[in-house]
């Protein structure tokens, strides 16, 4: 039953993210938002680069896909279902800027260097670090406990609690790095669009 739920969950999640992405591509004018220096909405996210509604919806899509991969990983009883579902959502997560950003073709035409557009590569790095945070905790915990048990150590509840605290501290750094890289991705996107506006 869990595998059927996962099989229904993937298309539903992709439909939601695709709908939000097409809304961004068709209704959010990034060039105008950069020209008018329109702050990010809502006010709580005003620290983000001024791209209008784009950062909120873009970050929501990323969060939906990361949570979706986590849910698939936790719910699927069949390993093959979990792997296929996670791969589908991961690929979608990596190509998200391509389907969200309307002037991306113009940005690509402007600069054909290897690491261009920079916003896209920062997005990739951010997704990798955020994935480590979202998916690594339980697997890392089990791996460390298995190493101790194979070496002949007896593990008490206190040792597991201490291990959990240490792993949470270690896994918090990918969250911070991923968030900073996402911010850098949005800042680079703003500067790339600003360059487009100056050339036009």
Foldseek 3Di string as FASTA:
>chain_A
DLLVVLVVVLVVLVVVLLVLQQCLQPPQDQLVQLVVQAAEPDPVRRVFGRRYPVVVSLVVNLVSLLVSLLSLCVRDPDPVSSVVSNVVSVVCQLCSVVSRHNCQVVLCVVDVDPCPPVLSVLSVLLSVLVNCLSPVLVVVLVVVVVVCVVVPHDDDPVNSVVVSVVSNVVSVVSVVSSVVSNSVSSVSVSVSSVVVVVVD
